[in-house]
Amino acid sequence: MDGCAGAQADRLLLDVPCSGSGVLRRNPDTKWKLNEKEMERLHATQYEILSTYSSMTKKGGQMVYATCSVFPSENEQQVKRFLKEHGQEWRLVREIHLRPDKEGFDGFYGALLRRG
């Protein structure tokens, strides 16, 4: 899609594939599947989804980037990279971090972004 030409969504939820680090207690075998190569693949996929699908959002629309990870490399670092490259038309409205060690339930991350 080219800029706003294909932009039709007022709201967009990107629940991207992630390491699942926030839900380890429900899926303990996940920790054995994670390695550097897999994390690099996930990071690339996450950023590709974020940077590609963001063009679906209309000007003035909102997008949520979400993971079930507690790793900053999958969360705020991805959003910071996106804003560094697309900050002229996007802004961060709000972030939420839920952590199993603090809230007592699964870990999640969400960033609400608005297209200007």
PDB file of N, CA and C in Angstrom:
ATOM      1  N   MET A   1       0.841  -1.179   0.000  1.00  0.00           N
ATOM      2  CA  MET A   1       0.000   0.000   0.000  1.00  0.00           C
ATOM      3  C   MET A   1       0.883   1.238   0.000  1.00  0.00           C
ATOM      4  N   ASP A   2       0.397   2.241  -0.674  1.00  0.00           N
ATOM      5  CA  ASP A   2       1.175   3.459  -0.816  1.00  0.00           C
ATOM      6  C   ASP A   2       0.588   4.544   0.077  1.00  0.00           C
ATOM      7  N   GLY A   3       1.243   4.804   1.204  1.00  0.00           N
ATOM      8  CA  GLY A   3       0.798   5.864   2.092  1.00  0.00           C
ATOM      9  C   GLY A   3      -0.657   5.712   2.475  1.00  0.00           C
ATOM     10  N   CYS A   4      -1.414   6.799   2.341  1.00  0.00           N
ATOM     11  CA  CYS A   4      -2.822   6.788   2.728  1.00  0.00           C
ATOM     12  C   CYS A   4      -3.731   6.283   1.624  1.00  0.00           C
ATOM     13  N   ALA A   5      -3.199   6.035   0.423  1.00  0.00           N
ATOM     14  CA  ALA A   5      -4.039   5.589  -0.689  1.00  0.00           C
ATOM     15  C   ALA A   5      -4.817   4.327  -0.337  1.00  0.00           C
ATOM     16  N   GLY A   6      -4.214   3.384   0.381  1.00  0.00           N
ATOM     17  CA  GLY A   6      -4.894   2.158   0.765  1.00  0.00           C
ATOM     18  C   GLY A   6      -5.416   2.200   2.182  1.00  0.00           C
ATOM     19  N   ALA A   7      -5.310   3.341   2.823  1.00  0.00           N
ATOM     20  CA  ALA A   7      -5.697   3.457   4.227  1.00  0.00           C
ATOM     21  C   ALA A   7      -7.208   3.492   4.358  1.00  0.00           C
ATOM     22  N   GLN A   8      -7.776   2.455   4.969  1.00  0.00           N
ATOM     23  CA  GLN A   8      -9.223   2.378   5.117  1.00  0.00           C
ATOM     24  C   GLN A   8      -9.659   2.119   6.547  1.00  0.00           C
ATOM     25  N   ALA A   9      -8.732   1.792   7.429  1.00  0.00           N
ATOM     26  CA  ALA A   9      -9.103   1.406   8.799  1.00  0.00           C
ATOM     27  C   ALA A   9      -9.066   2.600   9.748  1.00  0.00           C
ATOM     28  N   ASP A  10     -10.140   2.736  10.530  1.00  0.00           N
ATOM     29  CA  ASP A  10     -10.144   3.727  11.603  1.00  0.00           C
ATOM     30  C   ASP A  10      -9.353   3.214  12.798  1.00  0.00           C
ATOM     31  N   ARG A  11      -9.418   1.891  12.990  1.00  0.00           N
ATOM     32  CA  ARG A  11      -8.724   1.233  14.100  1.00  0.00           C
ATOM     33  C   ARG A  11      -8.061  -0.034  13.574  1.00  0.00           C
ATOM     34  N   LEU A  12      -6.878  -0.308  14.089  1.00  0.00           N
ATOM     35  CA  LEU A  12      -6.135  -1.483  13.655  1.00  0.00           C
ATOM     36  C   LEU A  12      -5.453  -2.114  14.866  1.00  0.00           C
ATOM     37  N   LEU A  13      -5.627  -3.413  15.033  1.00  0.00           N
ATOM     38  CA  LEU A  13      -4.964  -4.161  16.100  1.00  0.00           C
ATOM     39  C   LEU A  13      -3.936  -5.084  15.475  1.00  0.00           C
ATOM     40  N   LEU A  14      -2.676  -4.906  15.864  1.00  0.00           N
ATOM     41  CA  LEU A  14      -1.599  -5.780  15.418  1.00  0.00           C
ATOM     42  C   LEU A  14      -1.157  -6.627  16.606  1.00  0.00           C
ATOM     43  N   ASP A  15      -1.675  -7.827  16.683  1.00  0.00           N
ATOM     44  CA  ASP A  15      -1.303  -8.788  17.719  1.00  0.00           C
ATOM     45  C   ASP A  15      -0.224  -9.664  17.083  1.00  0.00           C
ATOM     46  N   VAL A  16       1.015  -9.202  17.175  1.00  0.00           N
ATOM     47  CA  VAL A  16       2.110  -9.798  16.407  1.00  0.00           C
ATOM     48  C   VAL A  16       2.636 -11.080  17.048  1.00  0.00           C
ATOM     49  N   PRO A  17       3.209 -11.972  16.232  1.00  0.00           N
ATOM     50  CA  PRO A  17       3.841 -13.168  16.791  1.00  0.00           C
ATOM     51  C   PRO A  17       4.999 -12.749  17.697  1.00  0.00           C
ATOM     52  N   CYS A  18       5.164 -13.462  18.794  1.00  0.00           N
ATOM     53  CA  CYS A  18       6.214 -13.085  19.741  1.00  0.00           C
ATOM     54  C   CYS A  18       6.759 -14.316  20.456  1.00  0.00           C
ATOM     55  N   SER A  19       7.688 -14.080  21.355  1.00  0.00           N
ATOM     56  CA  SER A  19       8.337 -15.163  22.096  1.00  0.00           C
ATOM     57  C   SER A  19       7.399 -15.843  23.084  1.00  0.00           C
ATOM     58  N   GLY A  20       6.336 -15.161  23.477  1.00  0.00           N
ATOM     59  CA  GLY A  20       5.430 -15.720  24.478  1.00  0.00           C
ATOM     60  C   GLY A  20       5.996 -15.669  25.885  1.00  0.00           C
ATOM     61  N   SER A  21       6.996 -14.831  26.100  1.00  0.00           N
ATOM     62  CA  SER A  21       7.635 -14.766  27.419  1.00  0.00           C
ATOM     63  C   SER A  21       6.682 -14.342  28.528  1.00  0.00           C
ATOM     64  N   GLY A  22       5.609 -13.670  28.181  1.00  0.00           N
ATOM     65  CA  GLY A  22       4.642 -13.241  29.190  1.00  0.00           C
ATOM     66  C   GLY A  22       3.698 -14.339  29.646  1.00  0.00           C
ATOM     67  N   VAL A  23       3.681 -15.447  28.921  1.00  0.00           N
ATOM     68  CA  VAL A  23       2.760 -16.545  29.262  1.00  0.00           C
ATOM     69  C   VAL A  23       3.524 -17.846  29.531  1.00  0.00           C
ATOM     70  N   LEU A  24       4.755 -17.732  29.995  1.00  0.00           N
ATOM     71  CA  LEU A  24       5.586 -18.918  30.239  1.00  0.00           C
ATOM     72  C   LEU A  24       4.970 -19.887  31.243  1.00  0.00           C
ATOM     73  N   ARG A  25       4.280 -19.367  32.231  1.00  0.00           N
ATOM     74  CA  ARG A  25       3.732 -20.288  33.235  1.00  0.00           C
ATOM     75  C   ARG A  25       2.649 -21.188  32.650  1.00  0.00           C
ATOM     76  N   ARG A  26       1.999 -20.730  31.573  1.00  0.00           N
ATOM     77  CA  ARG A  26       0.998 -21.576  30.901  1.00  0.00           C
ATOM     78  C   ARG A  26       1.624 -22.431  29.802  1.00  0.00           C
ATOM     79  N   ASN A  27       2.763 -22.011  29.306  1.00  0.00           N
ATOM     80  CA  ASN A  27       3.459 -22.724  28.224  1.00  0.00           C
ATOM     81  C   ASN A  27       4.945 -22.845  28.563  1.00  0.00           C
ATOM     82  N   PRO A  28       5.296 -23.601  29.580  1.00  0.00           N
ATOM     83  CA  PRO A  28       6.690 -23.640  30.041  1.00  0.00           C
ATOM     84  C   PRO A  28       7.684 -24.180  29.019  1.00  0.00           C
ATOM     85  N   ASP A  29       7.217 -24.965  28.062  1.00  0.00           N
ATOM     86  CA  ASP A  29       8.134 -25.491  27.052  1.00  0.00           C
ATOM     87  C   ASP A  29       8.644 -24.410  26.094  1.00  0.00           C
ATOM     88  N   THR A  30       7.996 -23.252  26.084  1.00  0.00           N
ATOM     89  CA  THR A  30       8.403 -22.147  25.209  1.00  0.00           C
ATOM     90  C   THR A  30       9.855 -21.758  25.440  1.00  0.00           C
ATOM     91  N   LYS A  31      10.290 -21.764  26.690  1.00  0.00           N
ATOM     92  CA  LYS A  31      11.658 -21.324  26.981  1.00  0.00           C
ATOM     93  C   LYS A  31      12.701 -22.211  26.322  1.00  0.00           C
ATOM     94  N   TRP A  32      12.356 -23.443  26.000  1.00  0.00           N
ATOM     95  CA  TRP A  32      13.304 -24.343  25.355  1.00  0.00           C
ATOM     96  C   TRP A  32      13.349 -24.130  23.845  1.00  0.00           C
ATOM     97  N   LYS A  33      12.354 -23.445  23.322  1.00  0.00           N
ATOM     98  CA  LYS A  33      12.289 -23.195  21.881  1.00  0.00           C
ATOM     99  C   LYS A  33      12.954 -21.880  21.488  1.00  0.00           C
ATOM    100  N   LEU A  34      13.196 -21.019  22.468  1.00  0.00           N
ATOM    101  CA  LEU A  34      13.772 -19.708  22.171  1.00  0.00           C
ATOM    102  C   LEU A  34      15.284 -19.785  22.075  1.00  0.00           C
ATOM    103  N   ASN A  35      15.797 -19.202  21.021  1.00  0.00           N
ATOM    104  CA  ASN A  35      17.242 -19.064  20.862  1.00  0.00           C
ATOM    105  C   ASN A  35      17.483 -17.777  20.088  1.00  0.00           C
ATOM    106  N   GLU A  36      18.726 -17.425  19.904  1.00  0.00           N
ATOM    107  CA  GLU A  36      19.058 -16.155  19.269  1.00  0.00           C
ATOM    108  C   GLU A  36      18.491 -16.059  17.855  1.00  0.00           C
ATOM    109  N   LYS A  37      18.600 -17.128  17.099  1.00  0.00           N
ATOM    110  CA  LYS A  37      18.108 -17.128  15.716  1.00  0.00           C
ATOM    111  C   LYS A  37      16.592 -16.922  15.680  1.00  0.00           C
ATOM    112  N   GLU A  38      15.873 -17.610  16.566  1.00  0.00           N
ATOM    113  CA  GLU A  38      14.415 -17.472  16.625  1.00  0.00           C
ATOM    114  C   GLU A  38      14.019 -16.055  17.048  1.00  0.00           C
ATOM    115  N   MET A  39      14.743 -15.483  18.008  1.00  0.00           N
ATOM    116  CA  MET A  39      14.439 -14.119  18.436  1.00  0.00           C
ATOM    117  C   MET A  39      14.687 -13.126  17.297  1.00  0.00           C
ATOM    118  N   GLU A  40      15.744 -13.310  16.549  1.00  0.00           N
ATOM    119  CA  GLU A  40      16.015 -12.432  15.407  1.00  0.00           C
ATOM    120  C   GLU A  40      14.897 -12.543  14.374  1.00  0.00           C
ATOM    121  N   ARG A  41      14.435 -13.765  14.135  1.00  0.00           N
ATOM    122  CA  ARG A  41      13.338 -13.969  13.190  1.00  0.00           C
ATOM    123  C   ARG A  41      12.068 -13.264  13.673  1.00  0.00           C
ATOM    124  N   LEU A  42      11.769 -13.410  14.963  1.00  0.00           N
ATOM    125  CA  LEU A  42      10.595 -12.756  15.530  1.00  0.00           C
ATOM    126  C   LEU A  42      10.701 -11.236  15.432  1.00  0.00           C
ATOM    127  N   HIS A  43      11.853 -10.693  15.762  1.00  0.00           N
ATOM    128  CA  HIS A  43      12.041  -9.237  15.697  1.00  0.00           C
ATOM    129  C   HIS A  43      11.798  -8.732  14.275  1.00  0.00           C
ATOM    130  N   ALA A  44      12.343  -9.440  13.293  1.00  0.00           N
ATOM    131  CA  ALA A  44      12.169  -9.035  11.894  1.00  0.00           C
ATOM    132  C   ALA A  44      10.695  -9.118  11.483  1.00  0.00           C
ATOM    133  N   THR A  45      10.026 -10.193  11.874  1.00  0.00           N
ATOM    134  CA  THR A  45       8.612 -10.369  11.533  1.00  0.00           C
ATOM    135  C   THR A  45       7.757  -9.298  12.197  1.00  0.00           C
ATOM    136  N   GLN A  46       8.013  -9.029  13.461  1.00  0.00           N
ATOM    137  CA  GLN A  46       7.257  -8.009  14.189  1.00  0.00           C
ATOM    138  C   GLN A  46       7.381  -6.654  13.507  1.00  0.00           C
ATOM    139  N   TYR A  47       8.608  -6.289  13.170  1.00  0.00           N
ATOM    140  CA  TYR A  47       8.800  -4.976  12.573  1.00  0.00           C
ATOM    141  C   TYR A  47       8.208  -4.907  11.166  1.00  0.00           C
ATOM    142  N   GLU A  48       8.304  -5.987  10.436  1.00  0.00           N
ATOM    143  CA  GLU A  48       7.708  -6.020   9.095  1.00  0.00           C
ATOM    144  C   GLU A  48       6.199  -5.822   9.177  1.00  0.00           C
ATOM    145  N   ILE A  49       5.555  -6.501  10.110  1.00  0.00           N
ATOM    146  CA  ILE A  49       4.103  -6.350  10.290  1.00  0.00           C
ATOM    147  C   ILE A  49       3.774  -4.915  10.696  1.00  0.00           C
ATOM    148  N   LEU A  50       4.483  -4.397  11.676  1.00  0.00           N
ATOM    149  CA  LEU A  50       4.224  -3.042  12.165  1.00  0.00           C
ATOM    150  C   LEU A  50       4.405  -2.002  11.061  1.00  0.00           C
ATOM    151  N   SER A  51       5.515  -2.063  10.357  1.00  0.00           N
ATOM    152  CA  SER A  51       5.785  -1.037   9.351  1.00  0.00           C
ATOM    153  C   SER A  51       4.938  -1.203   8.090  1.00  0.00           C
ATOM    154  N   THR A  52       4.567  -2.415   7.740  1.00  0.00           N
ATOM    155  CA  THR A  52       3.768  -2.651   6.530  1.00  0.00           C
ATOM    156  C   THR A  52       2.286  -2.390   6.766  1.00  0.00           C
ATOM    157  N   TYR A  53       1.731  -2.982   7.800  1.00  0.00           N
ATOM    158  CA  TYR A  53       0.294  -2.891   8.019  1.00  0.00           C
ATOM    159  C   TYR A  53      -0.150  -1.542   8.571  1.00  0.00           C
ATOM    160  N   SER A  54       0.756  -0.757   9.086  1.00  0.00           N
ATOM    161  CA  SER A  54       0.395   0.572   9.584  1.00  0.00           C
ATOM    162  C   SER A  54      -0.220   1.426   8.486  1.00  0.00           C
ATOM    163  N   SER A  55       0.148   1.154   7.235  1.00  0.00           N
ATOM    164  CA  SER A  55      -0.385   1.939   6.117  1.00  0.00           C
ATOM    165  C   SER A  55      -1.881   1.699   5.894  1.00  0.00           C
ATOM    166  N   MET A  56      -2.450   0.716   6.560  1.00  0.00           N
ATOM    167  CA  MET A  56      -3.889   0.448   6.451  1.00  0.00           C
ATOM    168  C   MET A  56      -4.719   1.453   7.253  1.00  0.00           C
ATOM    169  N   THR A  57      -4.068   2.176   8.153  1.00  0.00           N
ATOM    170  CA  THR A  57      -4.772   3.082   9.060  1.00  0.00           C
ATOM    171  C   THR A  57      -4.951   4.459   8.421  1.00  0.00           C
ATOM    172  N   LYS A  58      -6.169   4.978   8.485  1.00  0.00           N
ATOM    173  CA  LYS A  58      -6.470   6.315   7.963  1.00  0.00           C
ATOM    174  C   LYS A  58      -5.757   7.388   8.786  1.00  0.00           C
ATOM    175  N   LYS A  59      -5.592   8.550   8.204  1.00  0.00           N
ATOM    176  CA  LYS A  59      -5.125   9.697   8.978  1.00  0.00           C
ATOM    177  C   LYS A  59      -6.133   9.957  10.084  1.00  0.00           C
ATOM    178  N   GLY A  60      -5.630  10.176  11.290  1.00  0.00           N
ATOM    179  CA  GLY A  60      -6.497  10.359  12.449  1.00  0.00           C
ATOM    180  C   GLY A  60      -6.896   9.048  13.099  1.00  0.00           C
ATOM    181  N   GLY A  61      -6.566   7.924  12.457  1.00  0.00           N
ATOM    182  CA  GLY A  61      -6.903   6.610  12.993  1.00  0.00           C
ATOM    183  C   GLY A  61      -5.911   6.154  14.049  1.00  0.00           C
ATOM    184  N   GLN A  62      -6.246   5.073  14.702  1.00  0.00           N
ATOM    185  CA  GLN A  62      -5.409   4.539  15.776  1.00  0.00           C
ATOM    186  C   GLN A  62      -5.015   3.101  15.479  1.00  0.00           C
ATOM    187  N   MET A  63      -3.839   2.753  15.986  1.00  0.00           N
ATOM    188  CA  MET A  63      -3.315   1.397  15.814  1.00  0.00           C
ATOM    189  C   MET A  63      -2.763   0.935  17.162  1.00  0.00           C
ATOM    190  N   VAL A  64      -3.025  -0.325  17.499  1.00  0.00           N
ATOM    191  CA  VAL A  64      -2.454  -0.928  18.696  1.00  0.00           C
ATOM    192  C   VAL A  64      -1.464  -2.003  18.255  1.00  0.00           C
ATOM    193  N   TYR A  65      -0.252  -1.913  18.787  1.00  0.00           N
ATOM    194  CA  TYR A  65       0.779  -2.925  18.604  1.00  0.00           C
ATOM    195  C   TYR A  65       0.810  -3.715  19.905  1.00  0.00           C
ATOM    196  N   ALA A  66       0.583  -5.042  19.842  1.00  0.00           N
ATOM    197  CA  ALA A  66       0.459  -5.835  21.061  1.00  0.00           C
ATOM    198  C   ALA A  66       1.253  -7.131  20.980  1.00  0.00           C
ATOM    199  N   THR A  67       1.799  -7.532  22.132  1.00  0.00           N
ATOM    200  CA  THR A  67       2.483  -8.821  22.261  1.00  0.00           C
ATOM    201  C   THR A  67       2.130  -9.436  23.613  1.00  0.00           C
ATOM    202  N   CYS A  68       2.424 -10.735  23.742  1.00  0.00           N
ATOM    203  CA  CYS A  68       2.338 -11.392  25.050  1.00  0.00           C
ATOM    204  C   CYS A  68       3.769 -11.646  25.535  1.00  0.00           C
ATOM    205  N   SER A  69       4.609 -10.650  25.334  1.00  0.00           N
ATOM    206  CA  SER A  69       6.014 -10.720  25.721  1.00  0.00           C
ATOM    207  C   SER A  69       6.325  -9.665  26.777  1.00  0.00           C
ATOM    208  N   VAL A  70       7.320  -9.952  27.580  1.00  0.00           N
ATOM    209  CA  VAL A  70       7.810  -8.958  28.541  1.00  0.00           C
ATOM    210  C   VAL A  70       9.180  -8.418  28.129  1.00  0.00           C
ATOM    211  N   PHE A  71       9.695  -8.863  26.994  1.00  0.00           N
ATOM    212  CA  PHE A  71      11.019  -8.428  26.536  1.00  0.00           C
ATOM    213  C   PHE A  71      10.939  -7.067  25.840  1.00  0.00           C
ATOM    214  N   PRO A  72      11.700  -6.083  26.293  1.00  0.00           N
ATOM    215  CA  PRO A  72      11.707  -4.772  25.635  1.00  0.00           C
ATOM    216  C   PRO A  72      12.050  -4.841  24.145  1.00  0.00           C
ATOM    217  N   SER A  73      12.870  -5.800  23.742  1.00  0.00           N
ATOM    218  CA  SER A  73      13.257  -5.907  22.328  1.00  0.00           C
ATOM    219  C   SER A  73      12.063  -6.230  21.430  1.00  0.00           C
ATOM    220  N   GLU A  74      11.016  -6.805  21.992  1.00  0.00           N
ATOM    221  CA  GLU A  74       9.816  -7.119  21.212  1.00  0.00           C
ATOM    222  C   GLU A  74       8.741  -6.051  21.387  1.00  0.00           C
ATOM    223  N   ASN A  75       8.937  -5.172  22.317  1.00  0.00           N
ATOM    224  CA  ASN A  75       7.902  -4.226  22.697  1.00  0.00           C
ATOM    225  C   ASN A  75       8.312  -2.787  22.418  1.00  0.00           C
ATOM    226  N   GLU A  76       8.720  -2.075  23.470  1.00  0.00           N
ATOM    227  CA  GLU A  76       8.999  -0.654  23.297  1.00  0.00           C
ATOM    228  C   GLU A  76      10.130  -0.366  22.319  1.00  0.00           C
ATOM    229  N   GLN A  77      11.081  -1.261  22.176  1.00  0.00           N
ATOM    230  CA  GLN A  77      12.154  -1.027  21.213  1.00  0.00           C
ATOM    231  C   GLN A  77      11.639  -1.109  19.780  1.00  0.00           C
ATOM    232  N   GLN A  78      10.678  -1.978  19.529  1.00  0.00           N
ATOM    233  CA  GLN A  78      10.068  -2.045  18.197  1.00  0.00           C
ATOM    234  C   GLN A  78       9.285  -0.754  17.906  1.00  0.00           C
ATOM    235  N   VAL A  79       8.551  -0.278  18.896  1.00  0.00           N
ATOM    236  CA  VAL A  79       7.767   0.941  18.722  1.00  0.00           C
ATOM    237  C   VAL A  79       8.694   2.148  18.549  1.00  0.00           C
ATOM    238  N   LYS A  80       9.759   2.211  19.323  1.00  0.00           N
ATOM    239  CA  LYS A  80      10.720   3.319  19.178  1.00  0.00           C
ATOM    240  C   LYS A  80      11.340   3.324  17.784  1.00  0.00           C
ATOM    241  N   ARG A  81      11.706   2.157  17.280  1.00  0.00           N
ATOM    242  CA  ARG A  81      12.259   2.060  15.928  1.00  0.00           C
ATOM    243  C   ARG A  81      11.237   2.540  14.898  1.00  0.00           C
ATOM    244  N   PHE A  82       9.987   2.093  15.053  1.00  0.00           N
ATOM    245  CA  PHE A  82       8.925   2.506  14.138  1.00  0.00           C
ATOM    246  C   PHE A  82       8.758   4.026  14.158  1.00  0.00           C
ATOM    247  N   LEU A  83       8.722   4.613  15.342  1.00  0.00           N
ATOM    248  CA  LEU A  83       8.541   6.058  15.449  1.00  0.00           C
ATOM    249  C   LEU A  83       9.744   6.823  14.912  1.00  0.00           C
ATOM    250  N   LYS A  84      10.923   6.251  15.052  1.00  0.00           N
ATOM    251  CA  LYS A  84      12.117   6.895  14.495  1.00  0.00           C
ATOM    252  C   LYS A  84      12.009   6.985  12.977  1.00  0.00           C
ATOM    253  N   GLU A  85      11.441   5.956  12.367  1.00  0.00           N
ATOM    254  CA  GLU A  85      11.323   5.915  10.913  1.00  0.00           C
ATOM    255  C   GLU A  85      10.019   6.520  10.390  1.00  0.00           C
ATOM    256  N   HIS A  86       8.972   6.535  11.218  1.00  0.00           N
ATOM    257  CA  HIS A  86       7.657   6.995  10.760  1.00  0.00           C
ATOM    258  C   HIS A  86       7.066   8.076  11.662  1.00  0.00           C
ATOM    259  N   GLY A  87       7.865   8.653  12.521  1.00  0.00           N
ATOM    260  CA  GLY A  87       7.381   9.617  13.504  1.00  0.00           C
ATOM    261  C   GLY A  87       6.797  10.887  12.923  1.00  0.00           C
ATOM    262  N   GLN A  88       7.088  11.171  11.662  1.00  0.00           N
ATOM    263  CA  GLN A  88       6.509  12.359  11.045  1.00  0.00           C
ATOM    264  C   GLN A  88       4.999  12.211  10.847  1.00  0.00           C
ATOM    265  N   GLU A  89       4.503  10.963  10.807  1.00  0.00           N
ATOM    266  CA  GLU A  89       3.061  10.781  10.646  1.00  0.00           C
ATOM    267  C   GLU A  89       2.409   9.971  11.773  1.00  0.00           C
ATOM    268  N   TRP A  90       3.188   9.479  12.714  1.00  0.00           N
ATOM    269  CA  TRP A  90       2.652   8.693  13.831  1.00  0.00           C
ATOM    270  C   TRP A  90       3.138   9.254  15.151  1.00  0.00           C
ATOM    271  N   ARG A  91       2.311   9.097  16.193  1.00  0.00           N
ATOM    272  CA  ARG A  91       2.762   9.451  17.539  1.00  0.00           C
ATOM    273  C   ARG A  91       2.256   8.406  18.530  1.00  0.00           C
ATOM    274  N   LEU A  92       3.054   8.219  19.562  1.00  0.00           N
ATOM    275  CA  LEU A  92       2.687   7.289  20.634  1.00  0.00           C
ATOM    276  C   LEU A  92       1.723   7.991  21.571  1.00  0.00           C
ATOM    277  N   VAL A  93       0.565   7.380  21.777  1.00  0.00           N
ATOM    278  CA  VAL A  93      -0.451   7.936  22.664  1.00  0.00           C
ATOM    279  C   VAL A  93      -0.280   7.369  24.072  1.00  0.00           C
ATOM    280  N   ARG A  94      -0.060   6.043  24.135  1.00  0.00           N
ATOM    281  CA  ARG A  94       0.004   5.387  25.443  1.00  0.00           C
ATOM    282  C   ARG A  94       0.614   4.002  25.307  1.00  0.00           C
ATOM    283  N   GLU A  95       1.292   3.572  26.361  1.00  0.00           N
ATOM    284  CA  GLU A  95       1.826   2.207  26.440  1.00  0.00           C
ATOM    285  C   GLU A  95       1.308   1.554  27.705  1.00  0.00           C
ATOM    286  N   ILE A  96       1.172   0.249  27.645  1.00  0.00           N
ATOM    287  CA  ILE A  96       0.822  -0.513  28.842  1.00  0.00           C
ATOM    288  C   ILE A  96       1.752  -1.724  28.915  1.00  0.00           C
ATOM    289  N   HIS A  97       2.278  -1.946  30.120  1.00  0.00           N
ATOM    290  CA  HIS A  97       3.132  -3.103  30.393  1.00  0.00           C
ATOM    291  C   HIS A  97       2.485  -3.878  31.530  1.00  0.00           C
ATOM    292  N   LEU A  98       2.165  -5.118  31.290  1.00  0.00           N
ATOM    293  CA  LEU A  98       1.659  -5.988  32.355  1.00  0.00           C
ATOM    294  C   LEU A  98       2.697  -7.080  32.559  1.00  0.00           C
ATOM    295  N   ARG A  99       3.101  -7.263  33.812  1.00  0.00           N
ATOM    296  CA  ARG A  99       4.156  -8.232  34.114  1.00  0.00           C
ATOM    297  C   ARG A  99       3.659  -9.251  35.145  1.00  0.00           C
ATOM    298  N   PRO A 100       3.986 -10.519  34.933  1.00  0.00           N
ATOM    299  CA  PRO A 100       3.557 -11.559  35.881  1.00  0.00           C
ATOM    300  C   PRO A 100       4.101 -11.337  37.290  1.00  0.00           C
ATOM    301  N   ASP A 101       5.297 -10.797  37.396  1.00  0.00           N
ATOM    302  CA  ASP A 101       5.907 -10.596  38.714  1.00  0.00           C
ATOM    303  C   ASP A 101       5.326  -9.392  39.452  1.00  0.00           C
ATOM    304  N   LYS A 102       4.591  -8.529  38.768  1.00  0.00           N
ATOM    305  CA  LYS A 102       4.021  -7.346  39.414  1.00  0.00           C
ATOM    306  C   LYS A 102       2.509  -7.420  39.534  1.00  0.00           C
ATOM    307  N   GLU A 103       1.825  -7.765  38.441  1.00  0.00           N
ATOM    308  CA  GLU A 103       0.371  -7.809  38.462  1.00  0.00           C
ATOM    309  C   GLU A 103      -0.181  -9.168  38.876  1.00  0.00           C
ATOM    310  N   GLY A 104       0.630 -10.214  38.797  1.00  0.00           N
ATOM    311  CA  GLY A 104       0.196 -11.532  39.233  1.00  0.00           C
ATOM    312  C   GLY A 104      -0.520 -12.355  38.183  1.00  0.00           C
ATOM    313  N   PHE A 105      -0.557 -11.863  36.958  1.00  0.00           N
ATOM    314  CA  PHE A 105      -1.128 -12.666  35.867  1.00  0.00           C
ATOM    315  C   PHE A 105      -0.222 -12.538  34.655  1.00  0.00           C
ATOM    316  N   ASP A 106      -0.635 -13.043  33.515  1.00  0.00           N
ATOM    317  CA  ASP A 106       0.212 -13.067  32.326  1.00  0.00           C
ATOM    318  C   ASP A 106       0.791 -11.699  31.981  1.00  0.00           C
ATOM    319  N   GLY A 107       1.925 -11.738  31.278  1.00  0.00           N
ATOM    320  CA  GLY A 107       2.585 -10.520  30.842  1.00  0.00           C
ATOM    321  C   GLY A 107       2.168 -10.141  29.431  1.00  0.00           C
ATOM    322  N   PHE A 108       1.886  -8.868  29.251  1.00  0.00           N
ATOM    323  CA  PHE A 108       1.494  -8.345  27.947  1.00  0.00           C
ATOM    324  C   PHE A 108       2.065  -6.947  27.767  1.00  0.00           C
ATOM    325  N   TYR A 109       2.116  -6.527  26.505  1.00  0.00           N
ATOM    326  CA  TYR A 109       2.528  -5.170  26.164  1.00  0.00           C
ATOM    327  C   TYR A 109       1.564  -4.646  25.104  1.00  0.00           C
ATOM    328  N   GLY A 110       1.239  -3.386  25.204  1.00  0.00           N
ATOM    329  CA  GLY A 110       0.435  -2.752  24.177  1.00  0.00           C
ATOM    330  C   GLY A 110       0.848  -1.312  24.005  1.00  0.00           C
ATOM    331  N   ALA A 111       0.916  -0.874  22.766  1.00  0.00           N
ATOM    332  CA  ALA A 111       1.208   0.524  22.450  1.00  0.00           C
ATOM    333  C   ALA A 111       0.090   1.049  21.563  1.00  0.00           C
ATOM    334  N   LEU A 112      -0.512   2.148  21.977  1.00  0.00           N
ATOM    335  CA  LEU A 112      -1.535   2.818  21.182  1.00  0.00           C
ATOM    336  C   LEU A 112      -0.876   3.953  20.430  1.00  0.00           C
ATOM    337  N   LEU A 113      -0.971   3.903  19.109  1.00  0.00           N
ATOM    338  CA  LEU A 113      -0.379   4.925  18.246  1.00  0.00           C
ATOM    339  C   LEU A 113      -1.478   5.591  17.432  1.00  0.00           C
ATOM    340  N   ARG A 114      -1.283   6.863  17.145  1.00  0.00           N
ATOM    341  CA  ARG A 114      -2.256   7.612  16.337  1.00  0.00           C
ATOM    342  C   ARG A 114      -1.557   8.173  15.111  1.00  0.00           C
ATOM    343  N   ARG A 115      -2.245   8.009  13.988  1.00  0.00           N
ATOM    344  CA  ARG A 115      -1.699   8.536  12.736  1.00  0.00           C
ATOM    345  C   ARG A 115      -2.159   9.975  12.560  1.00  0.00           C
ATOM    346  N   GLY A 116      -1.205  10.861  12.310  1.00  0.00           N
ATOM    347  CA  GLY A 116      -1.513  12.296  12.161  1.00  0.00           C
ATOM    348  C   GLY A 116      -1.960  12.650  10.782  1.00  0.00           C
TER     349      GLY A 116
END
